[in-house]
């Protein structure tokens, strides 16, 4: 009986998670910085575009491989000039996962005195990212800027095994992050 209830709770939660994936909000609001989390296609290009549009004066990219520099990352960019890349792009090389992204961004944002950021990541990854970022930056205004990942076809969430697998894994990771957040709230 307990196993059946747990399975029902997991499936119900998964349905909520999948059918309420965040949509972009406030696409034109200016922020102090654009924060891009590496790990998926299109995220850095979206960050470039947002910086070029003037929606923030700084593009901060968290989780960049240690051997990658600005020249390598933006080689052939048709969106950003080399001058804009040099002055306005910051690469963070220490983060290995979403929690690290939040921790490293928090250190930088606090040192820089930021009041707001636009967070760019995949739509299915946004809920967990916001949960982690709000733990480290509870007073910072965070504008969610989820983007579609072409490899994760949400309209085929039941028929395409790769999409289903990514969503179940992300839901499980969100559950762990939520449990950590809940535990921190209980202890506070």
Protein backbone atom coordinates (compact mmCIF):
# COMPACT_ATOMS: atom_id res chain seq x y z
CA UNK A 1 0.00 0.00 0.00
CA UNK A 2 2.78 2.43 0.94
CA UNK A 3 4.67 1.66 -2.27
CA UNK A 4 1.52 2.31 -4.31
CA UNK A 5 1.01 5.68 -2.57
CA UNK A 6 4.62 6.67 -3.13
CA UNK A 7 4.39 5.67 -6.81
CA UNK A 8 1.16 7.68 -7.17
CA UNK A 9 2.79 10.71 -5.52
CA UNK A 10 5.85 10.42 -7.78
CA UNK A 11 3.74 10.13 -10.96
CA UNK A 12 1.41 12.96 -9.90
CA UNK A 13 4.37 15.18 -9.11
CA UNK A 14 6.01 14.29 -12.40
CA UNK A 15 2.84 15.25 -14.30
CA UNK A 16 2.72 18.59 -12.48
CA UNK A 17 6.44 19.10 -13.20
CA UNK A 18 6.13 18.34 -16.93
CA UNK A 19 2.90 20.22 -17.63
CA UNK A 20 3.93 23.37 -15.76
CA UNK A 21 7.39 23.90 -17.20
CA UNK A 22 8.14 27.64 -16.85
CA UNK A 23 7.56 30.01 -19.72
CA UNK A 24 9.63 33.14 -20.36
CA UNK A 25 8.66 36.09 -18.20
CA UNK A 26 9.26 39.79 -18.66
CA UNK A 27 11.33 39.49 -21.82
CA UNK A 28 12.09 43.23 -21.99
CA UNK A 29 12.99 44.01 -18.38
CA UNK A 30 16.51 45.30 -17.88
CA UNK A 31 18.63 43.58 -15.18
CA UNK A 32 22.07 44.13 -13.70
CA UNK A 33 23.41 40.98 -15.39
CA UNK A 34 22.52 38.05 -17.59
CA UNK A 35 23.55 34.70 -16.08
CA UNK A 36 23.81 31.73 -18.42
CA UNK A 37 24.18 28.18 -17.11
CA UNK A 38 26.23 25.99 -19.45
CA UNK A 39 25.21 22.47 -20.32
CA UNK A 40 22.67 22.75 -23.09
CA UNK A 41 22.43 23.93 -26.65
CA UNK A 42 21.37 27.48 -27.38
CA UNK A 43 21.96 28.90 -23.90
CA UNK A 44 25.11 30.88 -24.68
CA UNK A 45 23.71 32.11 -28.00
CA UNK A 46 20.63 33.36 -26.14
CA UNK A 47 22.85 35.11 -23.61
CA UNK A 48 24.78 36.76 -26.44
CA UNK A 49 21.55 37.95 -27.99
CA UNK A 50 20.24 39.38 -24.71
CA UNK A 51 23.52 41.23 -24.11
CA UNK A 52 23.48 42.60 -27.66
CA UNK A 53 19.90 43.80 -27.10
CA UNK A 54 21.09 45.79 -24.09
CA UNK A 55 18.99 43.96 -21.51
CA UNK A 56 21.96 43.98 -19.12
CA UNK A 57 25.49 45.40 -19.16
CA UNK A 58 27.18 42.09 -18.23
CA UNK A 59 26.96 38.49 -19.46
CA UNK A 60 28.12 36.00 -16.80
CA UNK A 61 28.49 32.41 -18.00
CA UNK A 62 28.70 29.84 -15.20
CA UNK A 63 30.16 26.36 -15.51
CA UNK A 64 32.52 26.93 -18.44
CA UNK A 65 35.09 24.18 -18.93
CA UNK A 66 38.44 25.30 -17.41
CA UNK A 67 40.25 25.04 -20.75
CA UNK A 68 37.77 27.26 -22.60
CA UNK A 69 38.44 31.00 -22.81
CA UNK A 70 36.49 33.89 -24.33
CA UNK A 71 38.35 33.70 -27.64
CA UNK A 72 37.40 30.03 -28.05
CA UNK A 73 33.83 30.49 -26.87
CA UNK A 74 33.00 33.48 -29.05
CA UNK A 75 35.12 32.69 -32.11
CA UNK A 76 33.06 33.58 -35.14
CA UNK A 77 30.29 35.24 -33.14
CA UNK A 78 28.09 37.32 -35.39
CA UNK A 79 26.23 38.81 -32.44
CA UNK A 80 28.93 40.24 -30.16
CA UNK A 81 31.92 42.32 -31.16
CA UNK A 82 35.34 41.40 -29.71
CA UNK A 83 35.26 44.68 -27.75
CA UNK A 84 31.92 43.77 -26.14
CA UNK A 85 33.19 40.27 -25.33
CA UNK A 86 36.32 41.68 -23.65
CA UNK A 87 34.52 44.28 -21.57
CA UNK A 88 31.22 42.71 -20.77
CA UNK A 89 31.52 38.90 -20.64
CA UNK A 90 32.68 37.03 -17.54
CA UNK A 91 33.42 33.31 -17.62
CA UNK A 92 33.11 31.28 -14.41
CA UNK A 93 35.10 28.03 -14.49
CA UNK A 94 34.53 26.37 -11.09
CA UNK A 95 30.89 25.25 -11.16
CA UNK A 96 30.28 21.58 -11.92
CA UNK A 97 26.51 21.42 -11.35
CA UNK A 98 23.47 23.62 -10.78
CA UNK A 99 24.15 24.06 -7.05
CA UNK A 100 27.72 25.13 -7.86
CA UNK A 101 26.35 27.52 -10.51
CA UNK A 102 24.19 29.14 -7.84
CA UNK A 103 26.99 29.30 -5.26
CA UNK A 104 29.57 30.76 -7.66
CA UNK A 105 27.07 33.24 -9.10
CA UNK A 106 26.06 34.29 -5.57
CA UNK A 107 29.67 35.10 -4.64
CA UNK A 108 30.14 37.14 -7.79
CA UNK A 109 26.74 38.89 -7.58
CA UNK A 110 27.28 39.88 -3.95
CA UNK A 111 30.80 41.19 -4.66
CA UNK A 112 29.46 43.15 -7.63
CA UNK A 113 26.51 44.54 -5.63
CA UNK A 114 23.91 43.25 -8.06
CA UNK A 115 20.21 43.68 -7.38
CA UNK A 116 18.84 41.66 -10.31
CA UNK A 117 19.78 39.00 -12.84
CA UNK A 118 18.20 37.35 -15.85
CA UNK A 119 18.76 33.59 -15.52
CA UNK A 120 19.10 31.71 -18.82
CA UNK A 121 18.83 27.93 -18.92
CA UNK A 122 16.68 25.24 -20.53
CA UNK A 123 12.96 25.42 -19.79
CA UNK A 124 12.87 21.97 -18.17
CA UNK A 125 15.89 22.94 -15.98
CA UNK A 126 14.55 26.35 -14.88
CA UNK A 127 12.47 25.23 -11.88
CA UNK A 128 15.44 23.53 -10.19
CA UNK A 129 17.78 26.38 -11.14
CA UNK A 130 15.48 28.94 -9.54
CA UNK A 131 15.19 26.83 -6.40
CA UNK A 132 18.99 26.60 -6.08
CA UNK A 133 19.59 30.28 -6.93
CA UNK A 134 16.98 31.52 -4.46
CA UNK A 135 18.68 29.58 -1.68
CA UNK A 136 21.96 31.39 -2.33
CA UNK A 137 20.51 34.74 -3.39
CA UNK A 138 17.22 35.16 -1.47
CA UNK A 139 17.00 38.95 -1.89
CA UNK A 140 18.15 39.18 -5.51
CA UNK A 141 15.48 39.70 -8.16
CA UNK A 142 15.72 36.81 -10.61
CA UNK A 143 14.02 37.04 -13.99
CA UNK A 144 13.56 33.55 -15.41
CA UNK A 145 14.49 33.27 -19.07
CA UNK A 146 13.90 29.62 -20.01
CA UNK A 147 14.76 28.54 -23.52
CA UNK A 148 13.69 25.54 -25.55
CA UNK A 149 16.27 22.82 -26.04
CA UNK A 150 15.89 21.36 -29.56
CA UNK A 151 16.96 17.94 -28.22
CA UNK A 152 14.11 17.84 -25.69
CA UNK A 153 10.80 17.78 -27.54
CA UNK A 154 8.20 18.61 -24.89
CA UNK A 155 5.32 17.94 -27.27
CA UNK A 156 6.63 14.34 -27.45
CA UNK A 157 7.12 13.91 -23.70
CA UNK A 158 5.46 10.48 -23.77
CA UNK A 159 6.48 9.15 -27.19
CA UNK A 160 10.16 10.08 -27.40
CA UNK A 161 12.31 8.03 -25.01
CA UNK A 162 15.22 10.56 -24.91
CA UNK A 163 12.84 13.38 -23.91
CA UNK A 164 11.02 11.23 -21.35
CA UNK A 165 14.35 10.15 -19.84
CA UNK A 166 15.64 13.75 -19.57
CA UNK A 167 12.41 14.92 -17.94
CA UNK A 168 12.27 12.07 -15.40
CA UNK A 169 15.90 12.66 -14.48
CA UNK A 170 15.35 16.40 -14.12
CA UNK A 171 12.25 15.79 -12.00
CA UNK A 172 14.25 13.47 -9.72
CA UNK A 173 16.99 16.11 -9.40
CA UNK A 174 14.37 18.74 -8.60
CA UNK A 175 12.92 16.48 -5.88
CA UNK A 176 16.37 16.20 -4.27
CA UNK A 177 16.90 19.98 -4.51
CA UNK A 178 13.44 20.58 -3.06
CA UNK A 179 14.12 18.17 -0.18
CA UNK A 180 17.39 20.02 0.54
CA UNK A 181 15.55 23.35 0.49
CA UNK A 182 12.82 21.99 2.77
CA UNK A 183 15.41 20.63 5.20
CA UNK A 184 17.15 24.03 5.27
CA UNK A 185 13.81 25.71 6.03
CA UNK A 186 13.11 23.33 8.89
CA UNK A 187 16.54 23.91 10.39
CA UNK A 188 16.30 27.73 10.09
